[in-house]
ModelCIF file with pLDDT and N, C-alpha, C, O atoms, coordinates in Angstrom:
data_MODEL
#
_entry.id   MODEL 
#
_entity.id                         1 
_entity.type                       polymer 
_entity.pdbx_number_of_molecules   1 
#
_entity_poly.entity_id                      1 
_entity_poly.type                           'polypeptide(L)' 
_entity_poly.nstd_linkage                   no 
_entity_poly.nstd_monomer                   no 
_entity_poly.pdbx_seq_one_letter_code       HSLRFIGAVQARTLFVDSLARADLPAQCQVVQISPLLRELILTSFS 
_entity_poly.pdbx_seq_one_letter_code_can   HSLRFIGAVQARTLFVDSLARADLPAQCQVVQISPLLRELILTSFS 
_entity_poly.pdbx_strand_id                 A 
#
loop_
_entity_poly_seq.entity_id 
_entity_poly_seq.num 
_entity_poly_seq.mon_id 
_entity_poly_seq.hetero 
1 1  HIS n 
1 2  SER n 
1 3  LEU n 
1 4  ARG n 
1 5  PHE n 
1 6  ILE n 
1 7  GLY n 
1 8  ALA n 
1 9  VAL n 
1 10 GLN n 
1 11 ALA n 
1 12 ARG n 
1 13 THR n 
1 14 LEU n 
1 15 PHE n 
1 16 VAL n 
1 17 ASP n 
1 18 SER n 
1 19 LEU n 
1 20 ALA n 
1 21 ARG n 
1 22 ALA n 
1 23 ASP n 
1 24 LEU n 
1 25 PRO n 
1 26 ALA n 
1 27 GLN n 
1 28 CYS n 
1 29 GLN n 
1 30 VAL n 
1 31 VAL n 
1 32 GLN n 
1 33 ILE n 
1 34 SER n 
1 35 PRO n 
1 36 LEU n 
1 37 LEU n 
1 38 ARG n 
1 39 GLU n 
1 40 LEU n 
1 41 ILE n 
1 42 LEU n 
1 43 THR n 
1 44 SER n 
1 45 PHE n 
1 46 SER n 
#
_struct_asym.id          A 
_struct_asym.entity_id   1 
#
loop_
_ma_qa_metric.id 
_ma_qa_metric.mode 
_ma_qa_metric.name 
_ma_qa_metric.software_group_id 
_ma_qa_metric.type 
1 global pLDDT . pLDDT 
2 local  pLDDT . pLDDT 
#
_ma_qa_metric_global.metric_id      1 
_ma_qa_metric_global.metric_value   94.04 
_ma_qa_metric_global.model_id       1 
_ma_qa_metric_global.ordinal_id     1 
#
loop_
_ma_qa_metric_local.label_asym_id 
_ma_qa_metric_local.label_comp_id 
_ma_qa_metric_local.label_seq_id 
_ma_qa_metric_local.metric_id 
_ma_qa_metric_local.metric_value 
_ma_qa_metric_local.model_id 
_ma_qa_metric_local.ordinal_id 
A HIS 1  2 96.00 1 1  
A SER 2  2 96.00 1 2  
A LEU 3  2 97.00 1 3  
A ARG 4  2 95.00 1 4  
A PHE 5  2 96.00 1 5  
A ILE 6  2 92.00 1 6  
A GLY 7  2 90.00 1 7  
A ALA 8  2 91.00 1 8  
A VAL 9  2 94.00 1 9  
A GLN 10 2 95.00 1 10 
A ALA 11 2 96.00 1 11 
A ARG 12 2 96.00 1 12 
A THR 13 2 96.00 1 13 
A LEU 14 2 96.00 1 14 
A PHE 15 2 96.00 1 15 
A VAL 16 2 96.00 1 16 
A ASP 17 2 95.00 1 17 
A SER 18 2 92.00 1 18 
A LEU 19 2 91.00 1 19 
A ALA 20 2 93.00 1 20 
A ARG 21 2 93.00 1 21 
A ALA 22 2 91.00 1 22 
A ASP 23 2 92.00 1 23 
A LEU 24 2 93.00 1 24 
A PRO 25 2 92.00 1 25 
A ALA 26 2 91.00 1 26 
A GLN 27 2 92.00 1 27 
A CYS 28 2 94.00 1 28 
A GLN 29 2 94.00 1 29 
A VAL 30 2 94.00 1 30 
A VAL 31 2 95.00 1 31 
A GLN 32 2 92.00 1 32 
A ILE 33 2 94.00 1 33 
A SER 34 2 93.00 1 34 
A PRO 35 2 93.00 1 35 
A LEU 36 2 95.00 1 36 
A LEU 37 2 96.00 1 37 
A ARG 38 2 95.00 1 38 
A GLU 39 2 95.00 1 39 
A LEU 40 2 96.00 1 40 
A ILE 41 2 96.00 1 41 
A LEU 42 2 94.00 1 42 
A THR 43 2 95.00 1 43 
A SER 44 2 95.00 1 44 
A PHE 45 2 94.00 1 45 
A SER 46 2 93.00 1 46 
#
loop_
_atom_site.group_PDB 
_atom_site.id 
_atom_site.type_symbol 
_atom_site.label_atom_id 
_atom_site.label_alt_id 
_atom_site.label_comp_id 
_atom_site.label_asym_id 
_atom_site.label_entity_id 
_atom_site.label_seq_id 
_atom_site.pdbx_PDB_ins_code 
_atom_site.Cartn_x 
_atom_site.Cartn_y 
_atom_site.Cartn_z 
_atom_site.occupancy 
_atom_site.B_iso_or_equiv 
_atom_site.pdbx_formal_charge 
_atom_site.auth_seq_id 
_atom_site.auth_comp_id 
_atom_site.auth_asym_id 
_atom_site.auth_atom_id 
_atom_site.pdbx_PDB_model_num 
ATOM 1   N N  . HIS A 1 1  ? -6.621  -4.790  -13.081 1.00 96.00 ? 1  HIS A N  1 
ATOM 2   C CA . HIS A 1 1  ? -7.572  -4.765  -11.973 1.00 96.00 ? 1  HIS A CA 1 
ATOM 3   C C  . HIS A 1 1  ? -8.508  -3.579  -12.106 1.00 96.00 ? 1  HIS A C  1 
ATOM 4   O O  . HIS A 1 1  ? -8.190  -2.585  -12.759 1.00 96.00 ? 1  HIS A O  1 
ATOM 5   N N  . SER A 1 2  ? -9.675  -3.700  -11.472 1.00 96.00 ? 2  SER A N  1 
ATOM 6   C CA . SER A 1 2  ? -10.616 -2.590  -11.361 1.00 96.00 ? 2  SER A CA 1 
ATOM 7   C C  . SER A 1 2  ? -10.895 -2.362  -9.884  1.00 96.00 ? 2  SER A C  1 
ATOM 8   O O  . SER A 1 2  ? -10.689 -3.255  -9.062  1.00 96.00 ? 2  SER A O  1 
ATOM 9   N N  . LEU A 1 3  ? -11.366 -1.156  -9.546  1.00 97.00 ? 3  LEU A N  1 
ATOM 10  C CA . LEU A 1 3  ? -11.593 -0.780  -8.157  1.00 97.00 ? 3  LEU A CA 1 
ATOM 11  C C  . LEU A 1 3  ? -13.013 -0.246  -7.995  1.00 97.00 ? 3  LEU A C  1 
ATOM 12  O O  . LEU A 1 3  ? -13.532 0.465   -8.854  1.00 97.00 ? 3  LEU A O  1 
ATOM 13  N N  . ARG A 1 4  ? -13.626 -0.611  -6.867  1.00 95.00 ? 4  ARG A N  1 
ATOM 14  C CA . ARG A 1 4  ? -14.922 -0.035  -6.493  1.00 95.00 ? 4  ARG A CA 1 
ATOM 15  C C  . ARG A 1 4  ? -14.827 0.427   -5.050  1.00 95.00 ? 4  ARG A C  1 
ATOM 16  O O  . ARG A 1 4  ? -14.232 -0.254  -4.214  1.00 95.00 ? 4  ARG A O  1 
ATOM 17  N N  . PHE A 1 5  ? -15.415 1.589   -4.752  1.00 96.00 ? 5  PHE A N  1 
ATOM 18  C CA . PHE A 1 5  ? -15.238 2.207   -3.437  1.00 96.00 ? 5  PHE A CA 1 
ATOM 19  C C  . PHE A 1 5  ? -16.575 2.241   -2.702  1.00 96.00 ? 5  PHE A C  1 
ATOM 20  O O  . PHE A 1 5  ? -17.578 2.722   -3.229  1.00 96.00 ? 5  PHE A O  1 
ATOM 21  N N  . ILE A 1 6  ? -16.569 1.722   -1.474  1.00 92.00 ? 6  ILE A N  1 
ATOM 22  C CA . ILE A 1 6  ? -17.774 1.641   -0.652  1.00 92.00 ? 6  ILE A CA 1 
ATOM 23  C C  . ILE A 1 6  ? -17.602 2.575   0.536   1.00 92.00 ? 6  ILE A C  1 
ATOM 24  O O  . ILE A 1 6  ? -16.653 2.437   1.308   1.00 92.00 ? 6  ILE A O  1 
ATOM 25  N N  . GLY A 1 7  ? -18.519 3.525   0.682   1.00 90.00 ? 7  GLY A N  1 
ATOM 26  C CA . GLY A 1 7  ? -18.363 4.549   1.698   1.00 90.00 ? 7  GLY A CA 1 
ATOM 27  C C  . GLY A 1 7  ? -17.406 5.626   1.212   1.00 90.00 ? 7  GLY A C  1 
ATOM 28  O O  . GLY A 1 7  ? -16.915 5.567   0.084   1.00 90.00 ? 7  GLY A O  1 
ATOM 29  N N  . ALA A 1 8  ? -17.144 6.606   2.060   1.00 91.00 ? 8  ALA A N  1 
ATOM 30  C CA . ALA A 1 8  ? -16.169 7.649   1.729   1.00 91.00 ? 8  ALA A CA 1 
ATOM 31  C C  . ALA A 1 8  ? -14.778 7.089   1.973   1.00 91.00 ? 8  ALA A C  1 
ATOM 32  O O  . ALA A 1 8  ? -14.415 6.798   3.113   1.00 91.00 ? 8  ALA A O  1 
ATOM 33  N N  . VAL A 1 9  ? -14.002 6.938   0.916   1.00 94.00 ? 9  VAL A N  1 
ATOM 34  C CA . VAL A 1 9  ? -12.701 6.260   0.975   1.00 94.00 ? 9  VAL A CA 1 
ATOM 35  C C  . VAL A 1 9  ? -11.567 7.270   0.875   1.00 94.00 ? 9  VAL A C  1 
ATOM 36  O O  . VAL A 1 9  ? -11.506 8.070   -0.059  1.00 94.00 ? 9  VAL A O  1 
ATOM 37  N N  . GLN A 1 10 ? -10.687 7.218   1.838   1.00 95.00 ? 10 GLN A N  1 
ATOM 38  C CA . GLN A 1 10 ? -9.410  7.930   1.758   1.00 95.00 ? 10 GLN A CA 1 
ATOM 39  C C  . GLN A 1 10 ? -8.351  6.880   1.429   1.00 95.00 ? 10 GLN A C  1 
ATOM 40  O O  . GLN A 1 10 ? -7.986  6.071   2.282   1.00 95.00 ? 10 GLN A O  1 
ATOM 41  N N  . ALA A 1 11 ? -7.866  6.896   0.202   1.00 96.00 ? 11 ALA A N  1 
ATOM 42  C CA . ALA A 1 11 ? -6.890  5.902   -0.248  1.00 96.00 ? 11 ALA A CA 1 
ATOM 43  C C  . ALA A 1 11 ? -5.505  6.534   -0.293  1.00 96.00 ? 11 ALA A C  1 
ATOM 44  O O  . ALA A 1 11 ? -5.309  7.602   -0.873  1.00 96.00 ? 11 ALA A O  1 
ATOM 45  N N  . ARG A 1 12 ? -4.566  5.861   0.321   1.00 96.00 ? 12 ARG A N  1 
ATOM 46  C CA . ARG A 1 12 ? -3.165  6.290   0.289   1.00 96.00 ? 12 ARG A CA 1 
ATOM 47  C C  . ARG A 1 12 ? -2.370  5.164   -0.361  1.00 96.00 ? 12 ARG A C  1 
ATOM 48  O O  . ARG A 1 12 ? -2.237  4.078   0.203   1.00 96.00 ? 12 ARG A O  1 
ATOM 49  N N  . THR A 1 13 ? -1.845  5.432   -1.548  1.00 96.00 ? 13 THR A N  1 
ATOM 50  C CA . THR A 1 13 ? -1.243  4.388   -2.373  1.00 96.00 ? 13 THR A CA 1 
ATOM 51  C C  . THR A 1 13 ? 0.255   4.583   -2.511  1.00 96.00 ? 13 THR A C  1 
ATOM 52  O O  . THR A 1 13 ? 0.741   5.690   -2.743  1.00 96.00 ? 13 THR A O  1 
ATOM 53  N N  . LEU A 1 14 ? 0.975   3.479   -2.363  1.00 96.00 ? 14 LEU A N  1 
ATOM 54  C CA . LEU A 1 14 ? 2.408   3.454   -2.640  1.00 96.00 ? 14 LEU A CA 1 
ATOM 55  C C  . LEU A 1 14 ? 2.632   2.714   -3.951  1.00 96.00 ? 14 LEU A C  1 
ATOM 56  O O  . LEU A 1 14 ? 2.224   1.561   -4.092  1.00 96.00 ? 14 LEU A O  1 
ATOM 57  N N  . PHE A 1 15 ? 3.273   3.368   -4.904  1.00 96.00 ? 15 PHE A N  1 
ATOM 58  C CA . PHE A 1 15 ? 3.707   2.711   -6.129  1.00 96.00 ? 15 PHE A CA 1 
ATOM 59  C C  . PHE A 1 15 ? 5.172   2.324   -5.938  1.00 96.00 ? 15 PHE A C  1 
ATOM 60  O O  . PHE A 1 15 ? 5.999   3.156   -5.567  1.00 96.00 ? 15 PHE A O  1 
ATOM 61  N N  . VAL A 1 16 ? 5.480   1.059   -6.193  1.00 96.00 ? 16 VAL A N  1 
ATOM 62  C CA . VAL A 1 16 ? 6.771   0.496   -5.784  1.00 96.00 ? 16 VAL A CA 1 
ATOM 63  C C  . VAL A 1 16 ? 7.452   -0.182  -6.972  1.00 96.00 ? 16 VAL A C  1 
ATOM 64  O O  . VAL A 1 16 ? 6.840   -0.981  -7.681  1.00 96.00 ? 16 VAL A O  1 
ATOM 65  N N  . ASP A 1 17 ? 8.702   0.144   -7.174  1.00 95.00 ? 17 ASP A N  1 
ATOM 66  C CA . ASP A 1 17 ? 9.512   -0.548  -8.170  1.00 95.00 ? 17 ASP A CA 1 
ATOM 67  C C  . ASP A 1 17 ? 9.614   -2.017  -7.771  1.00 95.00 ? 17 ASP A C  1 
ATOM 68  O O  . ASP A 1 17 ? 10.081  -2.331  -6.677  1.00 95.00 ? 17 ASP A O  1 
ATOM 69  N N  . SER A 1 18 ? 9.184   -2.910  -8.647  1.00 92.00 ? 18 SER A N  1 
ATOM 70  C CA . SER A 1 18 ? 9.170   -4.336  -8.318  1.00 92.00 ? 18 SER A CA 1 
ATOM 71  C C  . SER A 1 18 ? 10.552  -4.902  -8.048  1.00 92.00 ? 18 SER A C  1 
ATOM 72  O O  . SER A 1 18 ? 10.682  -5.961  -7.434  1.00 92.00 ? 18 SER A O  1 
ATOM 73  N N  . LEU A 1 19 ? 11.579  -4.210  -8.498  1.00 91.00 ? 19 LEU A N  1 
ATOM 74  C CA . LEU A 1 19 ? 12.949  -4.676  -8.280  1.00 91.00 ? 19 LEU A CA 1 
ATOM 75  C C  . LEU A 1 19 ? 13.596  -4.007  -7.063  1.00 91.00 ? 19 LEU A C  1 
ATOM 76  O O  . LEU A 1 19 ? 14.779  -4.220  -6.800  1.00 91.00 ? 19 LEU A O  1 
ATOM 77  N N  . ALA A 1 20 ? 12.829  -3.199  -6.320  1.00 93.00 ? 20 ALA A N  1 
ATOM 78  C CA . ALA A 1 20 ? 13.397  -2.506  -5.166  1.00 93.00 ? 20 ALA A CA 1 
ATOM 79  C C  . ALA A 1 20 ? 13.805  -3.484  -4.068  1.00 93.00 ? 20 ALA A C  1 
ATOM 80  O O  . ALA A 1 20 ? 14.748  -3.225  -3.321  1.00 93.00 ? 20 ALA A O  1 
ATOM 81  N N  . ARG A 1 21 ? 13.100  -4.604  -3.972  1.00 93.00 ? 21 ARG A N  1 
ATOM 82  C CA . ARG A 1 21 ? 13.451  -5.692  -3.067  1.00 93.00 ? 21 ARG A CA 1 
ATOM 83  C C  . ARG A 1 21 ? 13.191  -6.998  -3.804  1.00 93.00 ? 21 ARG A C  1 
ATOM 84  O O  . ARG A 1 21 ? 12.190  -7.129  -4.509  1.00 93.00 ? 21 ARG A O  1 
ATOM 85  N N  . ALA A 1 22 ? 14.086  -7.958  -3.641  1.00 91.00 ? 22 ALA A N  1 
ATOM 86  C CA . ALA A 1 22 ? 13.959  -9.212  -4.380  1.00 91.00 ? 22 ALA A CA 1 
ATOM 87  C C  . ALA A 1 22 ? 12.783  -10.048 -3.910  1.00 91.00 ? 22 ALA A C  1 
ATOM 88  O O  . ALA A 1 22 ? 12.269  -10.865 -4.674  1.00 91.00 ? 22 ALA A O  1 
ATOM 89  N N  . ASP A 1 23 ? 12.342  -9.863  -2.661  1.00 92.00 ? 23 ASP A N  1 
ATOM 90  C CA . ASP A 1 23 ? 11.319  -10.732 -2.090  1.00 92.00 ? 23 ASP A CA 1 
ATOM 91  C C  . ASP A 1 23 ? 10.016  -10.008 -1.780  1.00 92.00 ? 23 ASP A C  1 
ATOM 92  O O  . ASP A 1 23 ? 9.333   -10.355 -0.817  1.00 92.00 ? 23 ASP A O  1 
ATOM 93  N N  . LEU A 1 24 ? 9.663   -9.006  -2.581  1.00 93.00 ? 24 LEU A N  1 
ATOM 94  C CA . LEU A 1 24 ? 8.348   -8.393  -2.449  1.00 93.00 ? 24 LEU A CA 1 
ATOM 95  C C  . LEU A 1 24 ? 7.270   -9.416  -2.821  1.00 93.00 ? 24 LEU A C  1 
ATOM 96  O O  . LEU A 1 24 ? 7.533   -10.310 -3.626  1.00 93.00 ? 24 LEU A O  1 
ATOM 97  N N  . PRO A 1 25 ? 6.054   -9.305  -2.249  1.00 92.00 ? 25 PRO A N  1 
ATOM 98  C CA . PRO A 1 25 ? 5.013   -10.296 -2.543  1.00 92.00 ? 25 PRO A CA 1 
ATOM 99  C C  . PRO A 1 25 ? 4.761   -10.436 -4.040  1.00 92.00 ? 25 PRO A C  1 
ATOM 100 O O  . PRO A 1 25 ? 4.769   -9.453  -4.781  1.00 92.00 ? 25 PRO A O  1 
ATOM 101 N N  . ALA A 1 26 ? 4.536   -11.680 -4.469  1.00 91.00 ? 26 ALA A N  1 
ATOM 102 C CA . ALA A 1 26 ? 4.334   -11.958 -5.888  1.00 91.00 ? 26 ALA A CA 1 
ATOM 103 C C  . ALA A 1 26 ? 2.869   -12.149 -6.246  1.00 91.00 ? 26 ALA A C  1 
ATOM 104 O O  . ALA A 1 26 ? 2.537   -12.300 -7.422  1.00 91.00 ? 26 ALA A O  1 
ATOM 105 N N  . GLN A 1 27 ? 1.974   -12.145 -5.237  1.00 92.00 ? 27 GLN A N  1 
ATOM 106 C CA . GLN A 1 27 ? 0.555   -12.381 -5.467  1.00 92.00 ? 27 GLN A CA 1 
ATOM 107 C C  . GLN A 1 27 ? -0.273  -11.220 -4.913  1.00 92.00 ? 27 GLN A C  1 
ATOM 108 O O  . GLN A 1 27 ? 0.157   -10.516 -3.999  1.00 92.00 ? 27 GLN A O  1 
ATOM 109 N N  . CYS A 1 28 ? -1.473  -11.032 -5.484  1.00 94.00 ? 28 CYS A N  1 
ATOM 110 C CA . CYS A 1 28 ? -2.422  -10.094 -4.890  1.00 94.00 ? 28 CYS A CA 1 
ATOM 111 C C  . CYS A 1 28 ? -2.821  -10.613 -3.515  1.00 94.00 ? 28 CYS A C  1 
ATOM 112 O O  . CYS A 1 28 ? -3.033  -11.814 -3.344  1.00 94.00 ? 28 CYS A O  1 
ATOM 113 N N  . GLN A 1 29 ? -2.925  -9.726  -2.541  1.00 94.00 ? 29 GLN A N  1 
ATOM 114 C CA . GLN A 1 29 ? -3.324  -10.143 -1.204  1.00 94.00 ? 29 GLN A CA 1 
ATOM 115 C C  . GLN A 1 29 ? -3.760  -8.944  -0.377  1.00 94.00 ? 29 GLN A C  1 
ATOM 116 O O  . GLN A 1 29 ? -3.189  -7.859  -0.482  1.00 94.00 ? 29 GLN A O  1 
ATOM 117 N N  . VAL A 1 30 ? -4.794  -9.158  0.458   1.00 94.00 ? 30 VAL A N  1 
ATOM 118 C CA . VAL A 1 30 ? -5.202  -8.153  1.433   1.00 94.00 ? 30 VAL A CA 1 
ATOM 119 C C  . VAL A 1 30 ? -4.303  -8.306  2.648   1.00 94.00 ? 30 VAL A C  1 
ATOM 120 O O  . VAL A 1 30 ? -4.063  -9.420  3.112   1.00 94.00 ? 30 VAL A O  1 
ATOM 121 N N  . VAL A 1 31 ? -3.805  -7.185  3.164   1.00 95.00 ? 31 VAL A N  1 
ATOM 122 C CA . VAL A 1 31 ? -2.779  -7.249  4.199   1.00 95.00 ? 31 VAL A CA 1 
ATOM 123 C C  . VAL A 1 31 ? -3.118  -6.334  5.373   1.00 95.00 ? 31 VAL A C  1 
ATOM 124 O O  . VAL A 1 31 ? -3.842  -5.347  5.242   1.00 95.00 ? 31 VAL A O  1 
ATOM 125 N N  . GLN A 1 32 ? -2.572  -6.700  6.508   1.00 92.00 ? 32 GLN A N  1 
ATOM 126 C CA . GLN A 1 32 ? -2.664  -5.854  7.690   1.00 92.00 ? 32 GLN A CA 1 
ATOM 127 C C  . GLN A 1 32 ? -1.625  -4.731  7.582   1.00 92.00 ? 32 GLN A C  1 
ATOM 128 O O  . GLN A 1 32 ? -0.491  -4.977  7.172   1.00 92.00 ? 32 GLN A O  1 
ATOM 129 N N  . ILE A 1 33 ? -1.999  -3.526  7.941   1.00 94.00 ? 33 ILE A N  1 
ATOM 130 C CA . ILE A 1 33 ? -1.089  -2.387  7.951   1.00 94.00 ? 33 ILE A CA 1 
ATOM 131 C C  . ILE A 1 33 ? -0.719  -2.104  9.406   1.00 94.00 ? 33 ILE A C  1 
ATOM 132 O O  . ILE A 1 33 ? -1.571  -1.721  10.207  1.00 94.00 ? 33 ILE A O  1 
ATOM 133 N N  . SER A 1 34 ? 0.540   -2.294  9.734   1.00 93.00 ? 34 SER A N  1 
ATOM 134 C CA . SER A 1 34 ? 0.989   -2.071  11.111  1.00 93.00 ? 34 SER A CA 1 
ATOM 135 C C  . SER A 1 34 ? 0.983   -0.578  11.429  1.00 93.00 ? 34 SER A C  1 
ATOM 136 O O  . SER A 1 34 ? 1.045   0.244   10.516  1.00 93.00 ? 34 SER A O  1 
ATOM 137 N N  . PRO A 1 35 ? 0.909   -0.218  12.704  1.00 93.00 ? 35 PRO A N  1 
ATOM 138 C CA . PRO A 1 35 ? 1.001   1.211   13.062  1.00 93.00 ? 35 PRO A CA 1 
ATOM 139 C C  . PRO A 1 35 ? 2.269   1.859   12.510  1.00 93.00 ? 35 PRO A C  1 
ATOM 140 O O  . PRO A 1 35 ? 2.241   3.012   12.081  1.00 93.00 ? 35 PRO A O  1 
ATOM 141 N N  . LEU A 1 36 ? 3.389   1.113   12.519  1.00 95.00 ? 36 LEU A N  1 
ATOM 142 C CA . LEU A 1 36 ? 4.639   1.667   11.991  1.00 95.00 ? 36 LEU A CA 1 
ATOM 143 C C  . LEU A 1 36 ? 4.513   1.966   10.512  1.00 95.00 ? 36 LEU A C  1 
ATOM 144 O O  . LEU A 1 36 ? 4.865   3.058   10.067  1.00 95.00 ? 36 LEU A O  1 
ATOM 145 N N  . LEU A 1 37 ? 4.006   0.997   9.733   1.00 96.00 ? 37 LEU A N  1 
ATOM 146 C CA . LEU A 1 37 ? 3.889   1.211   8.290   1.00 96.00 ? 37 LEU A CA 1 
ATOM 147 C C  . LEU A 1 37 ? 2.904   2.327   7.986   1.00 96.00 ? 37 LEU A C  1 
ATOM 148 O O  . LEU A 1 37 ? 3.131   3.116   7.069   1.00 96.00 ? 37 LEU A O  1 
ATOM 149 N N  . ARG A 1 38 ? 1.804   2.408   8.745   1.00 95.00 ? 38 ARG A N  1 
ATOM 150 C CA . ARG A 1 38 ? 0.834   3.485   8.525   1.00 95.00 ? 38 ARG A CA 1 
ATOM 151 C C  . ARG A 1 38 ? 1.503   4.850   8.672   1.00 95.00 ? 38 ARG A C  1 
ATOM 152 O O  . ARG A 1 38 ? 1.294   5.735   7.842   1.00 95.00 ? 38 ARG A O  1 
ATOM 153 N N  . GLU A 1 39 ? 2.306   5.026   9.721   1.00 95.00 ? 39 GLU A N  1 
ATOM 154 C CA . GLU A 1 39 ? 2.977   6.313   9.927   1.00 95.00 ? 39 GLU A CA 1 
ATOM 155 C C  . GLU A 1 39 ? 4.040   6.560   8.865   1.00 95.00 ? 39 GLU A C  1 
ATOM 156 O O  . GLU A 1 39 ? 4.252   7.697   8.444   1.00 95.00 ? 39 GLU A O  1 
ATOM 157 N N  . LEU A 1 40 ? 4.709   5.490   8.432   1.00 96.00 ? 40 LEU A N  1 
ATOM 158 C CA . LEU A 1 40 ? 5.710   5.643   7.371   1.00 96.00 ? 40 LEU A CA 1 
ATOM 159 C C  . LEU A 1 40 ? 5.056   6.069   6.057   1.00 96.00 ? 40 LEU A C  1 
ATOM 160 O O  . LEU A 1 40 ? 5.598   6.900   5.329   1.00 96.00 ? 40 LEU A O  1 
ATOM 161 N N  . ILE A 1 41 ? 3.880   5.492   5.756   1.00 96.00 ? 41 ILE A N  1 
ATOM 162 C CA . ILE A 1 41 ? 3.168   5.877   4.539   1.00 96.00 ? 41 ILE A CA 1 
ATOM 163 C C  . ILE A 1 41 ? 2.820   7.364   4.579   1.00 96.00 ? 41 ILE A C  1 
ATOM 164 O O  . ILE A 1 41 ? 3.037   8.084   3.604   1.00 96.00 ? 41 ILE A O  1 
ATOM 165 N N  . LEU A 1 42 ? 2.284   7.817   5.700   1.00 94.00 ? 42 LEU A N  1 
ATOM 166 C CA . LEU A 1 42 ? 1.934   9.231   5.822   1.00 94.00 ? 42 LEU A CA 1 
ATOM 167 C C  . LEU A 1 42 ? 3.178   10.120  5.707   1.00 94.00 ? 42 LEU A C  1 
ATOM 168 O O  . LEU A 1 42 ? 3.136   11.181  5.085   1.00 94.00 ? 42 LEU A O  1 
ATOM 169 N N  . THR A 1 43 ? 4.273   9.679   6.306   1.00 95.00 ? 43 THR A N  1 
ATOM 170 C CA . THR A 1 43 ? 5.515   10.462  6.258   1.00 95.00 ? 43 THR A CA 1 
ATOM 171 C C  . THR A 1 43 ? 6.091   10.515  4.850   1.00 95.00 ? 43 THR A C  1 
ATOM 172 O O  . THR A 1 43 ? 6.728   11.499  4.473   1.00 95.00 ? 43 THR A O  1 
ATOM 173 N N  . SER A 1 44 ? 5.867   9.455   4.070   1.00 95.00 ? 44 SER A N  1 
ATOM 174 C CA . SER A 1 44 ? 6.467   9.391   2.732   1.00 95.00 ? 44 SER A CA 1 
ATOM 175 C C  . SER A 1 44 ? 5.970   10.504  1.817   1.00 95.00 ? 44 SER A C  1 
ATOM 176 O O  . SER A 1 44 ? 6.634   10.830  0.833   1.00 95.00 ? 44 SER A O  1 
ATOM 177 N N  . PHE A 1 45 ? 4.811   11.095  2.122   1.00 94.00 ? 45 PHE A N  1 
ATOM 178 C CA . PHE A 1 45 ? 4.293   12.168  1.275   1.00 94.00 ? 45 PHE A CA 1 
ATOM 179 C C  . PHE A 1 45 ? 5.155   13.428  1.354   1.00 94.00 ? 45 PHE A C  1 
ATOM 180 O O  . PHE A 1 45 ? 5.089   14.280  0.468   1.00 94.00 ? 45 PHE A O  1 
ATOM 181 N N  . SER A 1 46 ? 5.958   13.550  2.404   1.00 93.00 ? 46 SER A N  1 
ATOM 182 C CA . SER A 1 46 ? 6.827   14.713  2.536   1.00 93.00 ? 46 SER A CA 1 
ATOM 183 C C  . SER A 1 46 ? 8.229   14.463  1.990   1.00 93.00 ? 46 SER A C  1 
ATOM 184 O O  . SER A 1 46 ? 9.076   15.356  2.033   1.00 93.00 ? 46 SER A O  1 
#
């Protein structure tokens, strides 16, 4: 994949072991980020 950024982008990326869960999504998809997941992502940096 390639990426292009429109506007000033603050990207917070999770790299995930594909075997960490058996039923992780198998296709590329744009997804909604719940308030819970957003806070968990920010917390994961610590």
